[in-house]
């Protein structure tokens, strides 16, 4: 009989929580509680929900996951989770995702179904690859950064902390993208991008001169 593993989920109100919950189930986790850190964005029926201020100390001993695709939201929820007292944030790799044996996955990383991680790639804490996104060999994804569905970063790319790569975007070989950037869906990035920059198009060009991070919040 397969053993189940208890876990709690911060940011359960996020609409993206349903993706995390699905992967948790496929990995054999059972959701002991969802921790609300804001207003609910989806129907929470069937989920035991508590506020961070009312959490049972017993739950703080369990592994914890953090929901949210937007880097700013996930960072805020991870900060709240740690402030509440949770300490164990396992990397979550969907059974339908693939990663090289020598890839490095930091705590809190989430690989959704169909995601692919190349050889010697490094994913820093709480980075996300959404459905069918891929990161090439010797590439690095910074803390709290995210690749949207079908986004592709190829060999030796560097993606800074808090950066959002939109669905279907392509980052060319060796390109470095700074912290707290936004690459619009479908863009093709062929040159390095500085911090706090929003780009779009093919080839991608700056569309704002002072971008404050995805959803207007910089990941610190």
C-alpha atoms as a PDB file:
ATOM      1  CA  UNK A   1       0.000   0.000   0.000  1.00  0.00           C
ATOM      2  CA  UNK A   2       1.402   3.383  -1.000  1.00  0.00           C
ATOM      3  CA  UNK A   3       2.199   5.636   1.932  1.00  0.00           C
ATOM      4  CA  UNK A   4       0.868   9.182   1.936  1.00  0.00           C
ATOM      5  CA  UNK A   5       2.908  12.133   3.170  1.00  0.00           C
ATOM      6  CA  UNK A   6       1.264  15.095   4.925  1.00  0.00           C
ATOM      7  CA  UNK A   7       1.999  18.626   3.710  1.00  0.00           C
ATOM      8  CA  UNK A   8       0.621  22.167   4.078  1.00  0.00           C
ATOM      9  CA  UNK A   9       0.156  24.688   1.289  1.00  0.00           C
ATOM     10  CA  UNK A  10       0.646  28.426   1.741  1.00  0.00           C
ATOM     11  CA  UNK A  11      -1.206  30.720  -0.647  1.00  0.00           C
ATOM     12  CA  UNK A  12      -3.948  28.168  -1.179  1.00  0.00           C
ATOM     13  CA  UNK A  13      -6.206  31.022  -2.286  1.00  0.00           C
ATOM     14  CA  UNK A  14      -4.166  31.418  -5.499  1.00  0.00           C
ATOM     15  CA  UNK A  15      -5.859  30.113  -8.621  1.00  0.00           C
ATOM     16  CA  UNK A  16      -2.510  28.387  -9.398  1.00  0.00           C
ATOM     17  CA  UNK A  17      -2.940  26.319  -6.222  1.00  0.00           C
ATOM     18  CA  UNK A  18      -4.979  23.768  -8.180  1.00  0.00           C
ATOM     19  CA  UNK A  19      -1.877  22.936 -10.249  1.00  0.00           C
ATOM     20  CA  UNK A  20       0.249  22.456  -7.133  1.00  0.00           C
ATOM     21  CA  UNK A  21      -2.451  20.355  -5.443  1.00  0.00           C
ATOM     22  CA  UNK A  22      -2.674  18.087  -8.489  1.00  0.00           C
ATOM     23  CA  UNK A  23       1.083  17.469  -8.426  1.00  0.00           C
ATOM     24  CA  UNK A  24       1.016  16.907  -4.657  1.00  0.00           C
ATOM     25  CA  UNK A  25      -1.562  14.182  -5.153  1.00  0.00           C
ATOM     26  CA  UNK A  26       0.463  12.468  -7.867  1.00  0.00           C
ATOM     27  CA  UNK A  27       3.514  12.538  -5.567  1.00  0.00           C
ATOM     28  CA  UNK A  28       1.626  10.838  -2.745  1.00  0.00           C
ATOM     29  CA  UNK A  29       1.174  13.888  -0.526  1.00  0.00           C
ATOM     30  CA  UNK A  30      -2.023  14.528   1.391  1.00  0.00           C
ATOM     31  CA  UNK A  31      -2.916  18.173   1.985  1.00  0.00           C
ATOM     32  CA  UNK A  32      -3.348  18.589   5.738  1.00  0.00           C
ATOM     33  CA  UNK A  33      -4.270  22.261   5.473  1.00  0.00           C
ATOM     34  CA  UNK A  34      -4.243  25.199   3.119  1.00  0.00           C
ATOM     35  CA  UNK A  35      -2.912  28.396   4.657  1.00  0.00           C
ATOM     36  CA  UNK A  36      -4.712  31.547   3.526  1.00  0.00           C
ATOM     37  CA  UNK A  37      -2.507  34.587   2.981  1.00  0.00           C
ATOM     38  CA  UNK A  38      -5.134  36.670   1.144  1.00  0.00           C
ATOM     39  CA  UNK A  39      -8.584  36.479  -0.428  1.00  0.00           C
ATOM     40  CA  UNK A  40      -9.571  33.276  -2.218  1.00  0.00           C
ATOM     41  CA  UNK A  41      -9.420  33.304  -6.028  1.00  0.00           C
ATOM     42  CA  UNK A  42     -10.955  29.848  -6.540  1.00  0.00           C
ATOM     43  CA  UNK A  43     -13.507  27.530  -4.912  1.00  0.00           C
ATOM     44  CA  UNK A  44     -11.825  26.083  -1.803  1.00  0.00           C
ATOM     45  CA  UNK A  45     -14.450  23.371  -1.240  1.00  0.00           C
ATOM     46  CA  UNK A  46     -12.862  20.189   0.103  1.00  0.00           C
ATOM     47  CA  UNK A  47      -9.730  21.946   1.385  1.00  0.00           C
ATOM     48  CA  UNK A  48      -9.167  22.473   5.114  1.00  0.00           C
ATOM     49  CA  UNK A  49      -8.298  26.157   5.322  1.00  0.00           C
ATOM     50  CA  UNK A  50      -6.761  28.144   8.180  1.00  0.00           C
ATOM     51  CA  UNK A  51      -5.304  31.609   8.471  1.00  0.00           C
ATOM     52  CA  UNK A  52      -1.573  32.002   9.099  1.00  0.00           C
ATOM     53  CA  UNK A  53      -2.371  33.579  12.471  1.00  0.00           C
ATOM     54  CA  UNK A  54      -4.442  30.529  13.522  1.00  0.00           C
ATOM     55  CA  UNK A  55      -2.145  27.722  12.367  1.00  0.00           C
ATOM     56  CA  UNK A  56      -1.779  24.735  14.691  1.00  0.00           C
ATOM     57  CA  UNK A  57       1.898  24.468  15.787  1.00  0.00           C
ATOM     58  CA  UNK A  58       1.756  20.802  14.772  1.00  0.00           C
ATOM     59  CA  UNK A  59       1.378  21.874  11.143  1.00  0.00           C
ATOM     60  CA  UNK A  60       4.621  23.842  11.311  1.00  0.00           C
ATOM     61  CA  UNK A  61       6.530  20.563  11.656  1.00  0.00           C
ATOM     62  CA  UNK A  62       5.216  19.334   8.298  1.00  0.00           C
ATOM     63  CA  UNK A  63       6.726  19.973   4.860  1.00  0.00           C
ATOM     64  CA  UNK A  64       5.272  23.059   3.209  1.00  0.00           C
ATOM     65  CA  UNK A  65       4.603  24.165  -0.368  1.00  0.00           C
ATOM     66  CA  UNK A  66       3.923  27.667  -1.684  1.00  0.00           C
ATOM     67  CA  UNK A  67       1.374  28.366  -4.424  1.00  0.00           C
ATOM     68  CA  UNK A  68       1.418  31.183  -6.950  1.00  0.00           C
ATOM     69  CA  UNK A  69       2.885  31.561 -10.425  1.00  0.00           C
ATOM     70  CA  UNK A  70       3.671  35.283 -10.171  1.00  0.00           C
ATOM     71  CA  UNK A  71       7.152  35.683  -8.618  1.00  0.00           C
ATOM     72  CA  UNK A  72       6.055  38.585  -6.411  1.00  0.00           C
ATOM     73  CA  UNK A  73       3.137  36.650  -4.940  1.00  0.00           C
ATOM     74  CA  UNK A  74       5.168  33.505  -4.362  1.00  0.00           C
ATOM     75  CA  UNK A  75       7.930  35.514  -2.677  1.00  0.00           C
ATOM     76  CA  UNK A  76       5.424  37.231  -0.379  1.00  0.00           C
ATOM     77  CA  UNK A  77       3.893  33.883   0.570  1.00  0.00           C
ATOM     78  CA  UNK A  78       7.276  32.247   1.178  1.00  0.00           C
ATOM     79  CA  UNK A  79       8.234  35.135   3.454  1.00  0.00           C
ATOM     80  CA  UNK A  80       4.944  34.674   5.331  1.00  0.00           C
ATOM     81  CA  UNK A  81       5.485  30.904   5.571  1.00  0.00           C
ATOM     82  CA  UNK A  82       8.928  31.315   7.085  1.00  0.00           C
ATOM     83  CA  UNK A  83       7.715  34.032   9.451  1.00  0.00           C
ATOM     84  CA  UNK A  84       4.954  31.695  10.603  1.00  0.00           C
ATOM     85  CA  UNK A  85       7.528  29.016  11.414  1.00  0.00           C
ATOM     86  CA  UNK A  86       7.554  26.553   8.507  1.00  0.00           C
ATOM     87  CA  UNK A  87      11.066  25.413   7.631  1.00  0.00           C
ATOM     88  CA  UNK A  88      10.876  22.426   5.257  1.00  0.00           C
ATOM     89  CA  UNK A  89      10.088  23.309   1.634  1.00  0.00           C
ATOM     90  CA  UNK A  90      10.741  20.261  -0.564  1.00  0.00           C
ATOM     91  CA  UNK A  91      11.307  20.610  -4.292  1.00  0.00           C
ATOM     92  CA  UNK A  92       8.175  19.271  -6.013  1.00  0.00           C
ATOM     93  CA  UNK A  93       8.717  17.486  -9.312  1.00  0.00           C
ATOM     94  CA  UNK A  94       5.581  16.275 -11.055  1.00  0.00           C
ATOM     95  CA  UNK A  95       5.885  12.618 -12.133  1.00  0.00           C
ATOM     96  CA  UNK A  96       5.300  13.795 -15.709  1.00  0.00           C
ATOM     97  CA  UNK A  97       8.223  16.247 -15.573  1.00  0.00           C
ATOM     98  CA  UNK A  98      11.832  15.394 -16.400  1.00  0.00           C
ATOM     99  CA  UNK A  99      15.106  16.660 -14.984  1.00  0.00           C
ATOM    100  CA  UNK A 100      18.716  15.643 -15.527  1.00  0.00           C
ATOM    101  CA  UNK A 101      20.283  13.622 -12.722  1.00  0.00           C
ATOM    102  CA  UNK A 102      22.962  16.278 -12.227  1.00  0.00           C
ATOM    103  CA  UNK A 103      20.558  19.239 -12.248  1.00  0.00           C
ATOM    104  CA  UNK A 104      20.311  21.144  -8.962  1.00  0.00           C
ATOM    105  CA  UNK A 105      16.834  21.808  -7.574  1.00  0.00           C
ATOM    106  CA  UNK A 106      16.763  24.077  -4.520  1.00  0.00           C
ATOM    107  CA  UNK A 107      14.076  23.992  -1.804  1.00  0.00           C
ATOM    108  CA  UNK A 108      10.643  25.136  -2.928  1.00  0.00           C
ATOM    109  CA  UNK A 109      11.221  24.527  -6.647  1.00  0.00           C
ATOM    110  CA  UNK A 110       8.112  23.401  -8.554  1.00  0.00           C
ATOM    111  CA  UNK A 111       8.203  21.515 -11.863  1.00  0.00           C
ATOM    112  CA  UNK A 112       4.748  21.172 -13.359  1.00  0.00           C
ATOM    113  CA  UNK A 113       3.716  18.362 -15.698  1.00  0.00           C
ATOM    114  CA  UNK A 114       5.752  18.264 -18.909  1.00  0.00           C
ATOM    115  CA  UNK A 115       8.553  20.523 -17.622  1.00  0.00           C
ATOM    116  CA  UNK A 116      12.112  19.646 -18.664  1.00  0.00           C
ATOM    117  CA  UNK A 117      15.407  20.555 -16.969  1.00  0.00           C
ATOM    118  CA  UNK A 118      18.679  20.004 -18.824  1.00  0.00           C
ATOM    119  CA  UNK A 119      22.017  18.696 -17.613  1.00  0.00           C
ATOM    120  CA  UNK A 120      23.867  20.788 -15.009  1.00  0.00           C
ATOM    121  CA  UNK A 121      21.054  23.311 -14.876  1.00  0.00           C
ATOM    122  CA  UNK A 122      20.467  25.050 -11.545  1.00  0.00           C
ATOM    123  CA  UNK A 123      17.100  26.160 -10.198  1.00  0.00           C
ATOM    124  CA  UNK A 124      17.279  28.416  -7.139  1.00  0.00           C
ATOM    125  CA  UNK A 125      14.733  28.409  -4.333  1.00  0.00           C
ATOM    126  CA  UNK A 126      11.038  28.595  -5.241  1.00  0.00           C
ATOM    127  CA  UNK A 127      11.699  28.819  -8.981  1.00  0.00           C
ATOM    128  CA  UNK A 128       8.919  27.419 -11.173  1.00  0.00           C
ATOM    129  CA  UNK A 129       8.686  25.703 -14.539  1.00  0.00           C
ATOM    130  CA  UNK A 130       5.052  25.594 -15.593  1.00  0.00           C
ATOM    131  CA  UNK A 131       3.531  23.049 -17.989  1.00  0.00           C
ATOM    132  CA  UNK A 132       5.848  22.045 -20.856  1.00  0.00           C
ATOM    133  CA  UNK A 133       8.397  24.757 -20.043  1.00  0.00           C
ATOM    134  CA  UNK A 134      12.068  23.863 -20.413  1.00  0.00           C
ATOM    135  CA  UNK A 135      15.461  25.088 -19.267  1.00  0.00           C
ATOM    136  CA  UNK A 136      18.595  24.046 -21.143  1.00  0.00           C
ATOM    137  CA  UNK A 137      21.870  22.583 -19.992  1.00  0.00           C
ATOM    138  CA  UNK A 138      24.183  24.723 -17.837  1.00  0.00           C
ATOM    139  CA  UNK A 139      21.415  27.322 -17.449  1.00  0.00           C
ATOM    140  CA  UNK A 140      20.331  28.931 -14.187  1.00  0.00           C
ATOM    141  CA  UNK A 141      16.922  30.079 -12.990  1.00  0.00           C
ATOM    142  CA  UNK A 142      17.090  32.580 -10.123  1.00  0.00           C
ATOM    143  CA  UNK A 143      15.102  32.570  -6.870  1.00  0.00           C
ATOM    144  CA  UNK A 144      11.325  32.951  -7.301  1.00  0.00           C
ATOM    145  CA  UNK A 145      11.628  33.272 -11.076  1.00  0.00           C
ATOM    146  CA  UNK A 146       9.094  31.513 -13.279  1.00  0.00           C
ATOM    147  CA  UNK A 147       8.761  30.106 -16.772  1.00  0.00           C
ATOM    148  CA  UNK A 148       5.215  30.163 -18.116  1.00  0.00           C
ATOM    149  CA  UNK A 149       3.650  27.301 -20.096  1.00  0.00           C
ATOM    150  CA  UNK A 150       5.778  26.294 -23.064  1.00  0.00           C
ATOM    151  CA  UNK A 151       8.509  28.860 -22.387  1.00  0.00           C
ATOM    152  CA  UNK A 152      12.015  27.798 -23.426  1.00  0.00           C
ATOM    153  CA  UNK A 153      15.397  28.895 -22.140  1.00  0.00           C
ATOM    154  CA  UNK A 154      18.238  27.176 -23.937  1.00  0.00           C
ATOM    155  CA  UNK A 155      21.837  26.415 -23.000  1.00  0.00           C
ATOM    156  CA  UNK A 156      23.812  28.662 -20.614  1.00  0.00           C
ATOM    157  CA  UNK A 157      21.012  31.169 -20.032  1.00  0.00           C
ATOM    158  CA  UNK A 158      20.857  33.129 -16.774  1.00  0.00           C
ATOM    159  CA  UNK A 159      17.497  34.270 -15.447  1.00  0.00           C
ATOM    160  CA  UNK A 160      17.561  36.655 -12.469  1.00  0.00           C
ATOM    161  CA  UNK A 161      15.520  36.501  -9.284  1.00  0.00           C
ATOM    162  CA  UNK A 162      11.863  37.405  -9.459  1.00  0.00           C
ATOM    163  CA  UNK A 163      11.773  37.374 -13.259  1.00  0.00           C
ATOM    164  CA  UNK A 164       8.719  36.137 -15.151  1.00  0.00           C
ATOM    165  CA  UNK A 165       9.142  34.523 -18.576  1.00  0.00           C
ATOM    166  CA  UNK A 166       5.747  34.502 -20.300  1.00  0.00           C
ATOM    167  CA  UNK A 167       4.084  31.572 -22.042  1.00  0.00           C
ATOM    168  CA  UNK A 168       5.798  30.437 -25.210  1.00  0.00           C
ATOM    169  CA  UNK A 169       8.715  32.874 -24.929  1.00  0.00           C
ATOM    170  CA  UNK A 170      12.156  31.776 -26.152  1.00  0.00           C
ATOM    171  CA  UNK A 171      15.441  32.860 -24.553  1.00  0.00           C
ATOM    172  CA  UNK A 172      18.403  32.336 -26.898  1.00  0.00           C
ATOM    173  CA  UNK A 173      21.688  30.607 -26.061  1.00  0.00           C
ATOM    174  CA  UNK A 174      23.765  32.324 -23.392  1.00  0.00           C
ATOM    175  CA  UNK A 175      21.404  35.256 -22.829  1.00  0.00           C
ATOM    176  CA  UNK A 176      21.354  36.786 -19.339  1.00  0.00           C
ATOM    177  CA  UNK A 177      18.150  38.363 -18.037  1.00  0.00           C
ATOM    178  CA  UNK A 178      18.325  40.494 -14.891  1.00  0.00           C
ATOM    179  CA  UNK A 179      16.320  40.552 -11.677  1.00  0.00           C
ATOM    180  CA  UNK A 180      12.624  41.425 -11.511  1.00  0.00           C
ATOM    181  CA  UNK A 181      12.096  41.456 -15.271  1.00  0.00           C
ATOM    182  CA  UNK A 182       9.067  40.550 -17.344  1.00  0.00           C
ATOM    183  CA  UNK A 183       9.361  38.849 -20.737  1.00  0.00           C
ATOM    184  CA  UNK A 184       5.998  38.978 -22.476  1.00  0.00           C
ATOM    185  CA  UNK A 185       4.364  35.835 -23.840  1.00  0.00           C
ATOM    186  CA  UNK A 186       5.683  34.739 -27.219  1.00  0.00           C
ATOM    187  CA  UNK A 187       8.743  36.981 -27.128  1.00  0.00           C
ATOM    188  CA  UNK A 188      12.127  35.954 -28.542  1.00  0.00           C
ATOM    189  CA  UNK A 189      15.017  37.321 -26.481  1.00  0.00           C
ATOM    190  CA  UNK A 190      18.374  37.396 -28.289  1.00  0.00           C
ATOM    191  CA  UNK A 191      20.254  39.957 -26.160  1.00  0.00           C
ATOM    192  CA  UNK A 192      20.955  40.451 -22.464  1.00  0.00           C
ATOM    193  CA  UNK A 193      18.261  42.296 -20.498  1.00  0.00           C
ATOM    194  CA  UNK A 194      19.095  44.533 -17.491  1.00  0.00           C
ATOM    195  CA  UNK A 195      17.324  44.430 -14.128  1.00  0.00           C
ATOM    196  CA  UNK A 196      13.759  45.757 -13.766  1.00  0.00           C
ATOM    197  CA  UNK A 197      12.983  45.664 -17.471  1.00  0.00           C
ATOM    198  CA  UNK A 198       9.825  44.679 -19.357  1.00  0.00           C
ATOM    199  CA  UNK A 199      10.367  43.391 -22.897  1.00  0.00           C
ATOM    200  CA  UNK A 200       8.123  42.083 -25.648  1.00  0.00           C
ATOM    201  CA  UNK A 201       8.220  41.085 -29.303  1.00  0.00           C
ATOM    202  CA  UNK A 202      10.455  39.260 -31.776  1.00  0.00           C
ATOM    203  CA  UNK A 203      13.155  40.290 -31.325  1.00  0.00           C
ATOM    204  CA  UNK A 204      12.254  41.423 -27.816  1.00  0.00           C
ATOM    205  CA  UNK A 205      12.506  45.150 -27.090  1.00  0.00           C
ATOM    206  CA  UNK A 206      12.019  47.243 -23.977  1.00  0.00           C
ATOM    207  CA  UNK A 207       8.431  48.427 -23.526  1.00  0.00           C
ATOM    208  CA  UNK A 208       8.823  50.193 -20.178  1.00  0.00           C
ATOM    209  CA  UNK A 209      11.787  52.213 -18.940  1.00  0.00           C
ATOM    210  CA  UNK A 210      11.338  51.606 -15.206  1.00  0.00           C
ATOM    211  CA  UNK A 211       9.709  48.263 -14.602  1.00  0.00           C
ATOM    212  CA  UNK A 212       9.133  47.488 -10.918  1.00  0.00           C
ATOM    213  CA  UNK A 213       8.870  43.729 -11.219  1.00  0.00           C
ATOM    214  CA  UNK A 214       6.024  41.426 -12.186  1.00  0.00           C
ATOM    215  CA  UNK A 215       2.753  42.726 -10.664  1.00  0.00           C
ATOM    216  CA  UNK A 216       4.570  45.854  -9.560  1.00  0.00           C
ATOM    217  CA  UNK A 217       6.513  44.211  -6.716  1.00  0.00           C
ATOM    218  CA  UNK A 218      10.266  43.603  -6.665  1.00  0.00           C
ATOM    219  CA  UNK A 219      11.501  40.360  -5.154  1.00  0.00           C
ATOM    220  CA  UNK A 220      14.114  41.270  -2.554  1.00  0.00           C
END
